[in-house]
Amino acid sequence: MKTVLDREGRTEELKKDRKMELEDKITKHNLQPISVGFFGGVMNFNKVNIITRKTVDSFRSRLEKGSFKESPPGVYELRDWEEIRGWGKELAGKVRQ
């Protein structure tokens, strides 16, 4: 996944986020997933209130520097659909076994 942190070369921070968002919760809830995916989402600055927009406005420039395109205005697509499809195919293969 090419995230803002990847594109900024902050891979250690990305590993920490992945651990906190996925691995720690898997352990906490004693889950045994057959596959785990970690994907970006959509950031829609049009759906946040003015206070939140001002707070996260600096993040917009980071998105643009990371080559994430704004389309339509105020919306940034952060998902890597090829990576998501690949994960889905890999998961389907594991389920069929």
N, C-alpha and C. Protein backbone atom coordinates (compact mmCIF):
# COMPACT_ATOMS: atom_id res chain seq x y z
N MET A 1 0.84 -1.17 0.00
CA MET A 1 0.00 0.00 0.00
C MET A 1 0.89 1.24 0.00
N LYS A 2 0.62 2.14 -0.89
CA LYS A 2 1.36 3.40 -0.91
C LYS A 2 0.56 4.44 -0.14
N THR A 3 0.97 4.64 1.10
CA THR A 3 0.30 5.62 1.94
C THR A 3 1.10 6.91 1.94
N VAL A 4 0.56 7.91 2.58
CA VAL A 4 1.29 9.17 2.73
C VAL A 4 2.60 8.90 3.45
N LEU A 5 2.56 8.07 4.49
CA LEU A 5 3.78 7.77 5.24
C LEU A 5 4.81 7.07 4.36
N ASP A 6 4.37 6.13 3.51
CA ASP A 6 5.28 5.47 2.56
C ASP A 6 5.96 6.50 1.68
N ARG A 7 5.16 7.36 1.11
CA ARG A 7 5.67 8.32 0.15
C ARG A 7 6.56 9.38 0.80
N GLU A 8 6.41 9.53 2.10
CA GLU A 8 7.29 10.45 2.83
C GLU A 8 8.51 9.73 3.41
N GLY A 9 8.60 8.41 3.18
CA GLY A 9 9.73 7.64 3.67
C GLY A 9 9.66 7.34 5.16
N ARG A 10 8.47 7.41 5.73
CA ARG A 10 8.29 7.19 7.17
C ARG A 10 7.76 5.78 7.42
N THR A 11 8.54 4.79 7.03
CA THR A 11 8.10 3.41 7.09
C THR A 11 7.98 2.88 8.52
N GLU A 12 8.81 3.37 9.41
CA GLU A 12 8.73 2.92 10.81
C GLU A 12 7.41 3.37 11.43
N GLU A 13 6.99 4.57 11.12
CA GLU A 13 5.71 5.07 11.62
C GLU A 13 4.55 4.25 11.05
N LEU A 14 4.69 3.85 9.78
CA LEU A 14 3.67 3.03 9.14
C LEU A 14 3.60 1.67 9.83
N LYS A 15 4.74 1.07 10.13
CA LYS A 15 4.76 -0.23 10.82
C LYS A 15 4.08 -0.11 12.19
N LYS A 16 4.34 0.98 12.88
CA LYS A 16 3.73 1.21 14.19
C LYS A 16 2.21 1.34 14.05
N ASP A 17 1.75 2.08 13.06
CA ASP A 17 0.31 2.23 12.82
C ASP A 17 -0.33 0.90 12.49
N ARG A 18 0.31 0.13 11.62
CA ARG A 18 -0.22 -1.18 11.23
C ARG A 18 -0.32 -2.09 12.46
N LYS A 19 0.71 -2.07 13.29
CA LYS A 19 0.70 -2.89 14.49
C LYS A 19 -0.46 -2.47 15.41
N MET A 20 -0.59 -1.17 15.62
CA MET A 20 -1.62 -0.67 16.52
C MET A 20 -3.03 -0.94 15.97
N GLU A 21 -3.22 -0.72 14.68
CA GLU A 21 -4.55 -0.85 14.09
C GLU A 21 -4.96 -2.29 13.82
N LEU A 22 -4.00 -3.16 13.57
CA LEU A 22 -4.34 -4.54 13.21
C LEU A 22 -3.83 -5.57 14.21
N GLU A 23 -2.53 -5.67 14.31
CA GLU A 23 -1.93 -6.76 15.07
C GLU A 23 -2.32 -6.74 16.54
N ASP A 24 -2.32 -5.57 17.16
CA ASP A 24 -2.69 -5.49 18.57
C ASP A 24 -4.15 -5.91 18.80
N LYS A 25 -5.03 -5.53 17.89
CA LYS A 25 -6.44 -5.89 18.02
C LYS A 25 -6.65 -7.38 17.77
N ILE A 26 -5.91 -7.93 16.85
CA ILE A 26 -5.99 -9.37 16.60
C ILE A 26 -5.61 -10.14 17.86
N THR A 27 -4.53 -9.72 18.49
CA THR A 27 -4.06 -10.37 19.72
C THR A 27 -5.06 -10.14 20.86
N LYS A 28 -5.50 -8.90 21.03
CA LYS A 28 -6.42 -8.55 22.12
C LYS A 28 -7.70 -9.39 22.07
N HIS A 29 -8.22 -9.61 20.89
CA HIS A 29 -9.49 -10.33 20.74
C HIS A 29 -9.30 -11.81 20.41
N ASN A 30 -8.04 -12.26 20.51
CA ASN A 30 -7.70 -13.66 20.29
C ASN A 30 -8.24 -14.18 18.95
N LEU A 31 -8.03 -13.39 17.91
CA LEU A 31 -8.48 -13.76 16.57
C LEU A 31 -7.40 -14.56 15.85
N GLN A 32 -7.81 -15.34 14.88
CA GLN A 32 -6.88 -16.09 14.06
C GLN A 32 -7.27 -15.93 12.59
N PRO A 33 -7.06 -14.74 12.04
CA PRO A 33 -7.46 -14.52 10.65
C PRO A 33 -6.61 -15.34 9.69
N ILE A 34 -7.20 -15.70 8.57
CA ILE A 34 -6.44 -16.42 7.55
C ILE A 34 -5.66 -15.43 6.68
N SER A 35 -6.05 -14.16 6.72
CA SER A 35 -5.36 -13.13 5.96
C SER A 35 -5.72 -11.77 6.54
N VAL A 36 -4.80 -10.85 6.48
CA VAL A 36 -5.03 -9.51 7.00
C VAL A 36 -4.62 -8.51 5.94
N GLY A 37 -5.46 -7.52 5.70
CA GLY A 37 -5.14 -6.46 4.73
C GLY A 37 -5.14 -5.11 5.42
N PHE A 38 -4.32 -4.22 4.94
CA PHE A 38 -4.20 -2.87 5.51
C PHE A 38 -4.22 -1.91 4.34
N PHE A 39 -5.37 -1.26 4.12
CA PHE A 39 -5.55 -0.43 2.94
C PHE A 39 -5.95 0.99 3.32
N GLY A 40 -5.69 1.89 2.41
CA GLY A 40 -6.11 3.27 2.58
C GLY A 40 -7.60 3.40 2.33
N GLY A 41 -8.09 4.61 2.42
CA GLY A 41 -9.51 4.86 2.21
C GLY A 41 -9.71 6.11 1.38
N VAL A 42 -10.78 6.81 1.64
CA VAL A 42 -11.08 8.05 0.95
C VAL A 42 -11.12 9.15 1.99
N MET A 43 -10.47 10.25 1.68
CA MET A 43 -10.54 11.42 2.56
C MET A 43 -11.41 12.45 1.84
N ASN A 44 -12.54 12.76 2.45
CA ASN A 44 -13.47 13.71 1.85
C ASN A 44 -13.55 14.93 2.77
N PHE A 45 -12.83 15.97 2.39
CA PHE A 45 -12.80 17.18 3.20
C PHE A 45 -14.12 17.95 3.11
N ASN A 46 -14.98 17.57 2.17
CA ASN A 46 -16.28 18.24 2.03
C ASN A 46 -17.28 17.78 3.09
N LYS A 47 -17.01 16.67 3.74
CA LYS A 47 -17.94 16.11 4.71
C LYS A 47 -17.54 16.34 6.16
N VAL A 48 -16.58 17.21 6.39
CA VAL A 48 -16.17 17.50 7.77
C VAL A 48 -16.55 18.93 8.10
N ASN A 49 -16.75 19.19 9.38
CA ASN A 49 -17.12 20.54 9.77
C ASN A 49 -15.92 21.49 9.66
N ILE A 50 -16.17 22.76 9.75
CA ILE A 50 -15.13 23.78 9.53
C ILE A 50 -13.98 23.65 10.51
N ILE A 51 -14.25 23.29 11.74
CA ILE A 51 -13.19 23.17 12.75
C ILE A 51 -12.28 21.99 12.39
N THR A 52 -12.87 20.87 12.04
CA THR A 52 -12.08 19.70 11.64
C THR A 52 -11.31 20.02 10.37
N ARG A 53 -11.95 20.69 9.42
CA ARG A 53 -11.29 21.02 8.16
C ARG A 53 -10.04 21.87 8.40
N LYS A 54 -10.12 22.83 9.30
CA LYS A 54 -8.95 23.66 9.60
C LYS A 54 -7.86 22.84 10.29
N THR A 55 -8.27 21.90 11.12
CA THR A 55 -7.31 21.06 11.83
C THR A 55 -6.55 20.15 10.87
N VAL A 56 -7.25 19.57 9.89
CA VAL A 56 -6.61 18.62 8.99
C VAL A 56 -6.17 19.25 7.68
N ASP A 57 -6.34 20.54 7.53
CA ASP A 57 -6.00 21.21 6.27
C ASP A 57 -4.53 21.04 5.91
N SER A 58 -3.65 21.01 6.91
CA SER A 58 -2.23 20.83 6.62
C SER A 58 -1.96 19.45 6.01
N PHE A 59 -2.82 18.50 6.30
CA PHE A 59 -2.67 17.16 5.75
C PHE A 59 -2.90 17.15 4.25
N ARG A 60 -3.71 18.08 3.79
CA ARG A 60 -3.98 18.19 2.34
C ARG A 60 -2.71 18.39 1.54
N SER A 61 -1.84 19.25 2.02
CA SER A 61 -0.59 19.49 1.30
C SER A 61 0.28 18.24 1.30
N ARG A 62 0.24 17.46 2.36
CA ARG A 62 0.99 16.20 2.41
C ARG A 62 0.43 15.22 1.37
N LEU A 63 -0.88 15.20 1.22
CA LEU A 63 -1.48 14.33 0.21
C LEU A 63 -1.01 14.73 -1.19
N GLU A 64 -1.02 16.01 -1.45
CA GLU A 64 -0.62 16.49 -2.77
C GLU A 64 0.86 16.25 -3.03
N LYS A 65 1.69 16.45 -2.02
CA LYS A 65 3.12 16.17 -2.18
C LYS A 65 3.36 14.68 -2.42
N GLY A 66 2.49 13.85 -1.89
CA GLY A 66 2.60 12.40 -2.06
C GLY A 66 1.98 11.91 -3.35
N SER A 67 1.61 12.81 -4.22
CA SER A 67 1.03 12.50 -5.54
C SER A 67 -0.37 11.91 -5.48
N PHE A 68 -1.08 12.12 -4.39
CA PHE A 68 -2.48 11.74 -4.35
C PHE A 68 -3.25 12.87 -5.00
N LYS A 69 -4.10 12.53 -5.93
CA LYS A 69 -4.84 13.53 -6.69
C LYS A 69 -6.20 13.82 -6.06
N GLU A 70 -6.58 15.07 -6.15
CA GLU A 70 -7.86 15.52 -5.63
C GLU A 70 -8.89 15.43 -6.78
N SER A 71 -9.88 14.55 -6.60
CA SER A 71 -10.89 14.41 -7.64
C SER A 71 -12.09 13.67 -7.07
N PRO A 72 -13.21 14.26 -7.03
CA PRO A 72 -13.58 15.64 -7.30
C PRO A 72 -13.00 16.57 -6.24
N PRO A 73 -13.23 17.87 -6.36
CA PRO A 73 -12.65 18.81 -5.39
C PRO A 73 -12.96 18.43 -3.95
N GLY A 74 -11.90 18.39 -3.15
CA GLY A 74 -12.03 18.08 -1.73
C GLY A 74 -11.99 16.60 -1.39
N VAL A 75 -11.87 15.74 -2.40
CA VAL A 75 -11.90 14.30 -2.17
C VAL A 75 -10.59 13.68 -2.66
N TYR A 76 -9.97 12.88 -1.79
CA TYR A 76 -8.72 12.21 -2.13
C TYR A 76 -8.92 10.71 -2.00
N GLU A 77 -8.63 10.00 -3.08
CA GLU A 77 -8.73 8.54 -3.12
C GLU A 77 -7.37 7.97 -2.70
N LEU A 78 -7.33 7.26 -1.59
CA LEU A 78 -6.07 6.74 -1.07
C LEU A 78 -5.98 5.21 -1.23
N ARG A 79 -7.00 4.62 -1.82
CA ARG A 79 -6.98 3.16 -1.98
C ARG A 79 -6.17 2.78 -3.21
N ASP A 80 -5.46 1.68 -3.09
CA ASP A 80 -4.71 1.09 -4.21
C ASP A 80 -5.51 -0.14 -4.64
N TRP A 81 -6.33 0.05 -5.67
CA TRP A 81 -7.26 -1.00 -6.07
C TRP A 81 -6.55 -2.26 -6.58
N GLU A 82 -5.41 -2.10 -7.20
CA GLU A 82 -4.66 -3.28 -7.64
C GLU A 82 -4.20 -4.10 -6.44
N GLU A 83 -3.74 -3.43 -5.42
CA GLU A 83 -3.30 -4.13 -4.21
C GLU A 83 -4.49 -4.80 -3.52
N ILE A 84 -5.62 -4.13 -3.47
CA ILE A 84 -6.82 -4.70 -2.85
C ILE A 84 -7.28 -5.93 -3.63
N ARG A 85 -7.30 -5.84 -4.96
CA ARG A 85 -7.68 -7.00 -5.79
C ARG A 85 -6.72 -8.17 -5.57
N GLY A 86 -5.44 -7.87 -5.50
CA GLY A 86 -4.44 -8.91 -5.27
C GLY A 86 -4.65 -9.60 -3.94
N TRP A 87 -4.93 -8.83 -2.91
CA TRP A 87 -5.19 -9.39 -1.59
C TRP A 87 -6.45 -10.26 -1.63
N GLY A 88 -7.48 -9.77 -2.32
CA GLY A 88 -8.72 -10.52 -2.43
C GLY A 88 -8.52 -11.85 -3.13
N LYS A 89 -7.72 -11.85 -4.20
CA LYS A 89 -7.44 -13.10 -4.93
C LYS A 89 -6.65 -14.06 -4.05
N GLU A 90 -5.68 -13.52 -3.31
CA GLU A 90 -4.89 -14.35 -2.40
C GLU A 90 -5.81 -14.96 -1.32
N LEU A 91 -6.69 -14.14 -0.78
CA LEU A 91 -7.63 -14.61 0.24
C LEU A 91 -8.55 -15.69 -0.32
N ALA A 92 -9.06 -15.47 -1.52
CA ALA A 92 -9.94 -16.46 -2.15
C ALA A 92 -9.21 -17.79 -2.32
N GLY A 93 -7.94 -17.71 -2.72
CA GLY A 93 -7.14 -18.94 -2.86
C GLY A 93 -6.99 -19.67 -1.55
N LYS A 94 -6.80 -18.94 -0.46
CA LYS A 94 -6.65 -19.58 0.85
C LYS A 94 -7.97 -20.21 1.31
N VAL A 95 -9.06 -19.56 1.01
CA VAL A 95 -10.38 -20.07 1.43
C VAL A 95 -10.72 -21.36 0.69
N ARG A 96 -10.32 -21.43 -0.57
CA ARG A 96 -10.61 -22.62 -1.39
C ARG A 96 -9.82 -23.85 -0.95
N GLN A 97 -8.71 -23.66 -0.25
CA GLN A 97 -7.85 -24.79 0.12
C GLN A 97 -8.48 -25.66 1.16
